[in-house]
C-alpha atoms as a PDB file:
ATOM      1  CA  MET A   1     -59.129 -18.027-137.210  1.00  0.00           C
ATOM      2  CA  PHE A   2     -57.528 -15.526-134.836  1.00  0.00           C
ATOM      3  CA  ALA A   3     -59.722 -12.715-136.173  1.00  0.00           C
ATOM      4  CA  ALA A   4     -62.837 -14.843-135.650  1.00  0.00           C
ATOM      5  CA  ALA A   5     -61.743 -15.609-132.082  1.00  0.00           C
ATOM      6  CA  ARG A   6     -61.162 -11.896-131.446  1.00  0.00           C
ATOM      7  CA  TYR A   7     -64.651 -11.041-132.784  1.00  0.00           C
ATOM      8  CA  SER A   8     -66.156 -13.779-130.612  1.00  0.00           C
ATOM      9  CA  LEU A   9     -64.365 -12.467-127.523  1.00  0.00           C
ATOM     10  CA  GLY A  10     -65.701  -9.009-128.359  1.00  0.00           C
ATOM     11  CA  GLY A  11     -69.182 -10.526-128.482  1.00  0.00           C
ATOM     12  CA  VAL A  12     -68.710 -12.170-125.085  1.00  0.00           C
ATOM     13  CA  LYS A  13     -67.469  -8.869-123.659  1.00  0.00           C
ATOM     14  CA  ARG A  14     -70.534  -7.064-125.070  1.00  0.00           C
ATOM     15  CA  LEU A  15     -72.882  -9.805-123.839  1.00  0.00           C
ATOM     16  CA  TRP A  16     -71.348  -9.666-120.353  1.00  0.00           C
ATOM     17  CA  GLY A  17     -72.731  -6.098-120.182  1.00  0.00           C
ATOM     18  CA  GLU A  18     -76.248  -7.555-120.292  1.00  0.00           C
ATOM     19  CA  THR A  19     -77.737  -8.230-116.859  1.00  0.00           C
ATOM     20  CA  ALA A  20     -79.844 -11.070-118.282  1.00  0.00           C
ATOM     21  CA  PHE A  21     -76.714 -12.843-119.533  1.00  0.00           C
ATOM     22  CA  ARG A  22     -75.013 -12.572-116.159  1.00  0.00           C
ATOM     23  CA  HIS A  23     -78.153 -14.016-114.541  1.00  0.00           C
ATOM     24  CA  GLU A  24     -78.120 -16.893-117.031  1.00  0.00           C
ATOM     25  CA  VAL A  25     -74.479 -17.644-116.204  1.00  0.00           C
ATOM     26  CA  LEU A  26     -75.307 -17.568-112.487  1.00  0.00           C
ATOM     27  CA  ALA A  27     -78.285 -19.905-113.007  1.00  0.00           C
ATOM     28  CA  PHE A  28     -76.081 -22.321-114.960  1.00  0.00           C
ATOM     29  CA  LEU A  29     -73.484 -22.317-112.191  1.00  0.00           C
ATOM     30  CA  LEU A  30     -76.192 -22.944-109.602  1.00  0.00           C
ATOM     31  CA  ILE A  31     -77.676 -25.802-111.623  1.00  0.00           C
ATOM     32  CA  THR A  32     -74.293 -27.449-112.100  1.00  0.00           C
ATOM     33  CA  GLY A  33     -73.564 -26.946-108.388  1.00  0.00           C
ATOM     34  CA  VAL A  34     -76.819 -28.680-107.449  1.00  0.00           C
ATOM     35  CA  PHE A  35     -76.018 -31.427-109.942  1.00  0.00           C
ATOM     36  CA  PHE A  36     -72.582 -31.893-108.367  1.00  0.00           C
ATOM     37  CA  ILE A  37     -73.937 -32.001-104.814  1.00  0.00           C
ATOM     38  CA  SER A  38     -76.645 -34.448-105.917  1.00  0.00           C
ATOM     39  CA  GLY A  39     -74.194 -36.729-107.716  1.00  0.00           C
ATOM     40  CA  VAL A  40     -75.953 -36.430-111.071  1.00  0.00           C
ATOM     41  CA  PRO A  41     -74.533 -38.641-113.852  1.00  0.00           C
ATOM     42  CA  LEU A  42     -72.516 -37.233-116.755  1.00  0.00           C
ATOM     43  CA  TRP A  43     -75.482 -37.189-119.175  1.00  0.00           C
ATOM     44  CA  GLY A  44     -77.192 -34.590-116.960  1.00  0.00           C
ATOM     45  CA  TYR A  45     -74.222 -32.252-117.236  1.00  0.00           C
ATOM     46  CA  VAL A  46     -73.923 -32.754-120.988  1.00  0.00           C
ATOM     47  CA  GLY A  47     -77.557 -31.789-121.528  1.00  0.00           C
ATOM     48  CA  ALA A  48     -77.219 -28.771-119.214  1.00  0.00           C
ATOM     49  CA  ILE A  49     -74.072 -27.567-121.006  1.00  0.00           C
ATOM     50  CA  LEU A  50     -75.669 -27.934-124.443  1.00  0.00           C
ATOM     51  CA  LEU A  51     -78.816 -26.082-123.344  1.00  0.00           C
ATOM     52  CA  PHE A  52     -76.701 -23.360-121.726  1.00  0.00           C
ATOM     53  CA  LEU A  53     -74.681 -22.867-124.920  1.00  0.00           C
ATOM     54  CA  LEU A  54     -77.891 -22.703-126.940  1.00  0.00           C
ATOM     55  CA  THR A  55     -79.326 -20.186-124.473  1.00  0.00           C
ATOM     56  CA  VAL A  56     -76.183 -18.047-124.701  1.00  0.00           C
ATOM     57  CA  SER A  57     -76.301 -18.095-128.497  1.00  0.00           C
ATOM     58  CA  ILE A  58     -79.958 -17.050-128.575  1.00  0.00           C
ATOM     59  CA  GLU A  59     -79.269 -14.377-125.937  1.00  0.00           C
ATOM     60  CA  ALA A  60     -76.476 -13.059-128.176  1.00  0.00           C
ATOM     61  CA  LEU A  61     -78.810 -12.984-131.182  1.00  0.00           C
ATOM     62  CA  ASN A  62     -81.503 -11.287-129.100  1.00  0.00           C
ATOM     63  CA  THR A  63     -79.011  -8.641-127.999  1.00  0.00           C
ATOM     64  CA  ALA A  64     -77.946  -8.152-131.634  1.00  0.00           C
ATOM     65  CA  VAL A  65     -81.601  -7.689-132.676  1.00  0.00           C
ATOM     66  CA  GLU A  66     -82.055  -5.127-129.888  1.00  0.00           C
ATOM     67  CA  GLU A  67     -78.897  -3.247-130.925  1.00  0.00           C
ATOM     68  CA  ILE A  68     -79.910  -3.125-134.584  1.00  0.00           C
ATOM     69  CA  THR A  69     -83.519  -2.245-133.746  1.00  0.00           C
ATOM     70  CA  ASP A  70     -82.461   0.609-131.454  1.00  0.00           C
ATOM     71  CA  HIS A  71     -80.159   1.942-134.163  1.00  0.00           C
ATOM     72  CA  ALA A  72     -82.653   1.624-137.019  1.00  0.00           C
ATOM     73  CA  SER A  73     -85.664   2.820-135.045  1.00  0.00           C
ATOM     74  CA  PRO A  74     -84.591   5.189-132.247  1.00  0.00           C
ATOM     75  CA  ASN A  75     -88.170   6.407-131.836  1.00  0.00           C
ATOM     76  CA  TYR A  76     -91.066   4.219-130.719  1.00  0.00           C
ATOM     77  CA  SER A  77     -92.206   1.747-133.348  1.00  0.00           C
ATOM     78  CA  ASP A  78     -94.594  -1.204-133.119  1.00  0.00           C
ATOM     79  CA  MET A  79     -92.350  -3.161-135.489  1.00  0.00           C
ATOM     80  CA  ALA A  80     -89.311  -2.542-133.260  1.00  0.00           C
ATOM     81  CA  ARG A  81     -91.294  -3.562-130.176  1.00  0.00           C
ATOM     82  CA  HIS A  82     -92.440  -6.760-131.908  1.00  0.00           C
ATOM     83  CA  ALA A  83     -88.857  -7.617-132.906  1.00  0.00           C
ATOM     84  CA  LYS A  84     -87.642  -7.154-129.337  1.00  0.00           C
ATOM     85  CA  ASP A  85     -90.585  -9.104-127.888  1.00  0.00           C
ATOM     86  CA  LEU A  86     -89.965 -12.029-130.248  1.00  0.00           C
ATOM     87  CA  GLY A  87     -86.288 -12.159-129.319  1.00  0.00           C
ATOM     88  CA  SER A  88     -87.194 -12.046-125.648  1.00  0.00           C
ATOM     89  CA  PHE A  89     -89.696 -14.871-126.133  1.00  0.00           C
ATOM     90  CA  ALA A  90     -87.032 -17.026-127.805  1.00  0.00           C
ATOM     91  CA  VAL A  91     -84.753 -16.571-124.784  1.00  0.00           C
ATOM     92  CA  PHE A  92     -87.649 -17.299-122.416  1.00  0.00           C
ATOM     93  CA  CYS A  93     -88.391 -20.579-124.213  1.00  0.00           C
ATOM     94  CA  LEU A  94     -84.794 -21.694-123.754  1.00  0.00           C
ATOM     95  CA  LEU A  95     -84.765 -20.667-120.104  1.00  0.00           C
ATOM     96  CA  LEU A  96     -87.870 -22.796-119.658  1.00  0.00           C
ATOM     97  CA  ALA A  97     -86.136 -25.693-121.448  1.00  0.00           C
ATOM     98  CA  ASN A  98     -83.164 -25.329-119.062  1.00  0.00           C
ATOM     99  CA  ALA A  99     -85.466 -25.448-116.039  1.00  0.00           C
ATOM    100  CA  ILE A 100     -87.366 -28.467-117.368  1.00  0.00           C
ATOM    101  CA  TRP A 101     -84.082 -30.271-118.075  1.00  0.00           C
ATOM    102  CA  ALA A 102     -82.727 -29.536-114.589  1.00  0.00           C
ATOM    103  CA  MET A 103     -85.941 -30.787-112.964  1.00  0.00           C
ATOM    104  CA  PHE A 104     -85.989 -33.887-115.160  1.00  0.00           C
ATOM    105  CA  VAL A 105     -82.362 -34.749-114.379  1.00  0.00           C
ATOM    106  CA  LEU A 106     -82.829 -34.258-110.647  1.00  0.00           C
ATOM    107  CA  TRP A 107     -86.124 -36.164-110.628  1.00  0.00           C
ATOM    108  CA  SER A 108     -84.582 -39.017-112.627  1.00  0.00           C
ATOM    109  CA  HIS A 109     -81.669 -39.143-110.206  1.00  0.00           C
ATOM    110  CA  TRP A 110     -83.629 -38.843-106.936  1.00  0.00           C
ATOM    111  CA  ILE A 111     -86.592 -41.128-107.686  1.00  0.00           C
ATOM    112  CA  PRO A 112     -84.505 -44.345-107.939  1.00  0.00           C
ATOM    113  CA  LEU A 113     -82.804 -43.393-104.654  1.00  0.00           C
ATOM    114  CA  ALA A 114     -86.175 -43.111-102.883  1.00  0.00           C
ATOM    115  CA  ALA A 115     -87.262 -46.611-103.952  1.00  0.00           C
END
């Protein structure tokens, strides 16, 4: 268990080197800050946390695909480009899901207040 935790911490350290990951962490902090200021109920936070964790896991897998692809195919390759593009698209889909969730939570919270 300790070895697994050490490997996971190594993964977090490697992922922290990715600008995209740092932006995702910042976006999550901003969303939760807006939720807090808006007085969003607990279910909004739970959904945001779950989507953030899913985004982080897919970002980690995308980074792993990029690392392996760069190692296996240091020269230009259509197959390597496709692999990287597909990983990037997976992350994009989850970023979109995070944005939709945040808008839904805020809309659900603000609309009853306006009535």
